[in-house]
Amino acid sequence: MKWLLTVAMAMAFTHANFSYAKGSAQEGEKKAAQVCAACHGPDGNKPSAPDQPVLAGQYYDYLVKALSDYKSGKRTNPVMKGFAAQLSKKDMEDLAAWFSTQAATRLHNQR
């Protein structure tokens, strides 16, 4: 009985502490090639300018929130607002799923 309780608690703890991506990484890869690759690289590791972030390996929830905030105007960047304006919620989730599953080959704050 003690073993069963331990397993149940471990499963509950594991589920509570991990965020599961709702988007499709495959669809995100396709969308990234159309929308993001020119500035961030196809896998999010090659920003074309020092002020553009590495997206690879970022947290899924962070990426969805950042894109949503660009679309709503909470975050201000004219280029990102223009790109985010054309994205649906599903597009944002797909892009976040893609970039969050890519291995970062550069540090996020490295220029």
C-alpha atoms as a PDB file:
ATOM      1  CA  MET A   1       0.000   0.000   0.000  1.00  0.00           C
ATOM      2  CA  LYS A   2       2.845   2.381   0.843  1.00  0.00           C
ATOM      3  CA  TRP A   3       4.440   1.667  -2.544  1.00  0.00           C
ATOM      4  CA  LEU A   4       1.199   2.510  -4.380  1.00  0.00           C
ATOM      5  CA  LEU A   5       0.891   5.807  -2.503  1.00  0.00           C
ATOM      6  CA  THR A   6       4.504   6.676  -3.350  1.00  0.00           C
ATOM      7  CA  VAL A   7       3.936   5.963  -7.043  1.00  0.00           C
ATOM      8  CA  ALA A   8       0.699   7.978  -7.087  1.00  0.00           C
ATOM      9  CA  MET A   9       2.380  10.946  -5.417  1.00  0.00           C
ATOM     10  CA  ALA A  10       5.327  10.788  -7.809  1.00  0.00           C
ATOM     11  CA  MET A  11       2.975  10.775 -10.797  1.00  0.00           C
ATOM     12  CA  ALA A  12       1.002  13.724  -9.427  1.00  0.00           C
ATOM     13  CA  PHE A  13       4.182  15.676  -8.691  1.00  0.00           C
ATOM     14  CA  THR A  14       5.585  14.955 -12.162  1.00  0.00           C
ATOM     15  CA  HIS A  15       2.376  16.011 -13.887  1.00  0.00           C
ATOM     16  CA  ALA A  16       2.052  19.186 -11.834  1.00  0.00           C
ATOM     17  CA  ASN A  17       5.578  20.387 -12.573  1.00  0.00           C
ATOM     18  CA  PHE A  18       5.802  19.940 -16.308  1.00  0.00           C
ATOM     19  CA  SER A  19       4.126  22.048 -18.934  1.00  0.00           C
ATOM     20  CA  TYR A  20       2.963  20.116 -21.948  1.00  0.00           C
ATOM     21  CA  ALA A  21       3.140  21.763 -25.335  1.00  0.00           C
ATOM     22  CA  LYS A  22      -0.219  22.068 -27.028  1.00  0.00           C
ATOM     23  CA  GLY A  23       1.225  22.859 -30.427  1.00  0.00           C
ATOM     24  CA  SER A  24       2.625  20.682 -33.170  1.00  0.00           C
ATOM     25  CA  ALA A  25       6.389  20.945 -33.602  1.00  0.00           C
ATOM     26  CA  GLN A  26       6.052  19.665 -37.198  1.00  0.00           C
ATOM     27  CA  GLU A  27       3.596  22.423 -38.086  1.00  0.00           C
ATOM     28  CA  GLY A  28       5.747  24.914 -36.193  1.00  0.00           C
ATOM     29  CA  GLU A  29       8.778  23.963 -38.257  1.00  0.00           C
ATOM     30  CA  LYS A  30       6.832  24.710 -41.455  1.00  0.00           C
ATOM     31  CA  LYS A  31       5.559  28.041 -40.106  1.00  0.00           C
ATOM     32  CA  ALA A  32       9.028  28.998 -38.825  1.00  0.00           C
ATOM     33  CA  ALA A  33      10.440  28.498 -42.324  1.00  0.00           C
ATOM     34  CA  GLN A  34       7.842  30.952 -43.652  1.00  0.00           C
ATOM     35  CA  VAL A  35       7.850  33.551 -40.885  1.00  0.00           C
ATOM     36  CA  CYS A  36      10.803  33.329 -38.480  1.00  0.00           C
ATOM     37  CA  ALA A  37      13.832  31.873 -40.246  1.00  0.00           C
ATOM     38  CA  ALA A  38      14.980  35.086 -41.929  1.00  0.00           C
ATOM     39  CA  CYS A  39      15.671  36.772 -38.587  1.00  0.00           C
ATOM     40  CA  HIS A  40      16.130  33.886 -36.129  1.00  0.00           C
ATOM     41  CA  GLY A  41      17.400  31.040 -38.341  1.00  0.00           C
ATOM     42  CA  PRO A  42      15.454  27.902 -39.284  1.00  0.00           C
ATOM     43  CA  ASP A  43      15.889  26.295 -35.853  1.00  0.00           C
ATOM     44  CA  GLY A  44      16.063  29.526 -33.855  1.00  0.00           C
ATOM     45  CA  ASN A  45      19.839  29.448 -33.327  1.00  0.00           C
ATOM     46  CA  LYS A  46      21.056  32.050 -35.810  1.00  0.00           C
ATOM     47  CA  PRO A  47      19.748  35.561 -35.142  1.00  0.00           C
ATOM     48  CA  SER A  48      20.608  37.860 -38.043  1.00  0.00           C
ATOM     49  CA  ALA A  49      21.278  40.827 -35.726  1.00  0.00           C
ATOM     50  CA  PRO A  50      22.662  41.148 -32.192  1.00  0.00           C
ATOM     51  CA  ASP A  51      19.361  42.466 -30.826  1.00  0.00           C
ATOM     52  CA  GLN A  52      17.416  39.399 -31.995  1.00  0.00           C
ATOM     53  CA  PRO A  53      17.166  36.532 -29.498  1.00  0.00           C
ATOM     54  CA  VAL A  54      18.023  32.870 -29.830  1.00  0.00           C
ATOM     55  CA  LEU A  55      14.651  31.095 -29.794  1.00  0.00           C
ATOM     56  CA  ALA A  56      15.918  27.505 -29.715  1.00  0.00           C
ATOM     57  CA  GLY A  57      15.473  25.892 -26.324  1.00  0.00           C
ATOM     58  CA  GLN A  58      13.281  28.649 -24.911  1.00  0.00           C
ATOM     59  CA  TYR A  59      10.364  27.593 -22.717  1.00  0.00           C
ATOM     60  CA  TYR A  60       7.155  26.802 -24.597  1.00  0.00           C
ATOM     61  CA  ASP A  61       4.988  28.983 -22.337  1.00  0.00           C
ATOM     62  CA  TYR A  62       7.394  31.911 -22.638  1.00  0.00           C
ATOM     63  CA  LEU A  63       7.318  31.778 -26.434  1.00  0.00           C
ATOM     64  CA  VAL A  64       3.517  31.620 -26.601  1.00  0.00           C
ATOM     65  CA  LYS A  65       3.263  34.554 -24.172  1.00  0.00           C
ATOM     66  CA  ALA A  66       5.854  36.642 -26.029  1.00  0.00           C
ATOM     67  CA  LEU A  67       4.120  36.121 -29.382  1.00  0.00           C
ATOM     68  CA  SER A  68       0.717  36.890 -27.844  1.00  0.00           C
ATOM     69  CA  ASP A  69       2.111  40.045 -26.262  1.00  0.00           C
ATOM     70  CA  TYR A  70       3.603  41.209 -29.576  1.00  0.00           C
ATOM     71  CA  LYS A  71       0.268  40.613 -31.274  1.00  0.00           C
ATOM     72  CA  SER A  72      -1.704  42.498 -28.599  1.00  0.00           C
ATOM     73  CA  GLY A  73       0.799  45.340 -28.355  1.00  0.00           C
ATOM     74  CA  LYS A  74       1.845  44.550 -24.758  1.00  0.00           C
ATOM     75  CA  ARG A  75       5.360  44.093 -26.107  1.00  0.00           C
ATOM     76  CA  THR A  76       6.527  46.658 -28.586  1.00  0.00           C
ATOM     77  CA  ASN A  77       8.625  45.932 -31.620  1.00  0.00           C
ATOM     78  CA  PRO A  78       7.300  47.038 -35.004  1.00  0.00           C
ATOM     79  CA  VAL A  79       8.766  44.069 -36.887  1.00  0.00           C
ATOM     80  CA  MET A  80       7.533  41.470 -34.407  1.00  0.00           C
ATOM     81  CA  LYS A  81       4.120  43.119 -34.138  1.00  0.00           C
ATOM     82  CA  GLY A  82       3.744  42.828 -37.915  1.00  0.00           C
ATOM     83  CA  PHE A  83       4.694  39.163 -37.932  1.00  0.00           C
ATOM     84  CA  ALA A  84       2.696  38.263 -34.818  1.00  0.00           C
ATOM     85  CA  ALA A  85      -0.396  40.036 -36.158  1.00  0.00           C
ATOM     86  CA  GLN A  86      -0.754  37.375 -38.840  1.00  0.00           C
ATOM     87  CA  LEU A  87      -0.405  34.431 -36.417  1.00  0.00           C
ATOM     88  CA  SER A  88      -3.344  32.521 -34.983  1.00  0.00           C
ATOM     89  CA  LYS A  89      -3.214  31.066 -31.466  1.00  0.00           C
ATOM     90  CA  LYS A  90      -2.541  27.657 -33.042  1.00  0.00           C
ATOM     91  CA  ASP A  91       0.328  29.137 -35.103  1.00  0.00           C
ATOM     92  CA  MET A  92       1.851  30.544 -31.913  1.00  0.00           C
ATOM     93  CA  GLU A  93       1.504  27.206 -30.121  1.00  0.00           C
ATOM     94  CA  ASP A  94       3.026  25.373 -33.096  1.00  0.00           C
ATOM     95  CA  LEU A  95       5.965  27.786 -33.295  1.00  0.00           C
ATOM     96  CA  ALA A  96       6.517  27.520 -29.547  1.00  0.00           C
ATOM     97  CA  ALA A  97       6.438  23.720 -29.787  1.00  0.00           C
ATOM     98  CA  TRP A  98       9.039  23.812 -32.577  1.00  0.00           C
ATOM     99  CA  PHE A  99      11.478  26.279 -31.028  1.00  0.00           C
ATOM    100  CA  SER A 100      11.185  24.872 -27.503  1.00  0.00           C
ATOM    101  CA  THR A 101      12.236  21.426 -28.756  1.00  0.00           C
ATOM    102  CA  GLN A 102      15.327  22.684 -30.579  1.00  0.00           C
ATOM    103  CA  ALA A 103      18.676  22.424 -28.860  1.00  0.00           C
ATOM    104  CA  ALA A 104      20.265  25.812 -28.302  1.00  0.00           C
ATOM    105  CA  THR A 105      23.737  25.907 -29.824  1.00  0.00           C
ATOM    106  CA  ARG A 106      24.350  29.426 -28.506  1.00  0.00           C
ATOM    107  CA  LEU A 107      23.626  30.941 -25.132  1.00  0.00           C
ATOM    108  CA  HIS A 108      20.396  32.929 -25.098  1.00  0.00           C
ATOM    109  CA  ASN A 109      22.137  36.097 -23.988  1.00  0.00           C
ATOM    110  CA  GLN A 110      25.244  35.632 -26.138  1.00  0.00           C
ATOM    111  CA  ARG A 111      25.603  38.176 -28.931  1.00  0.00           C
END
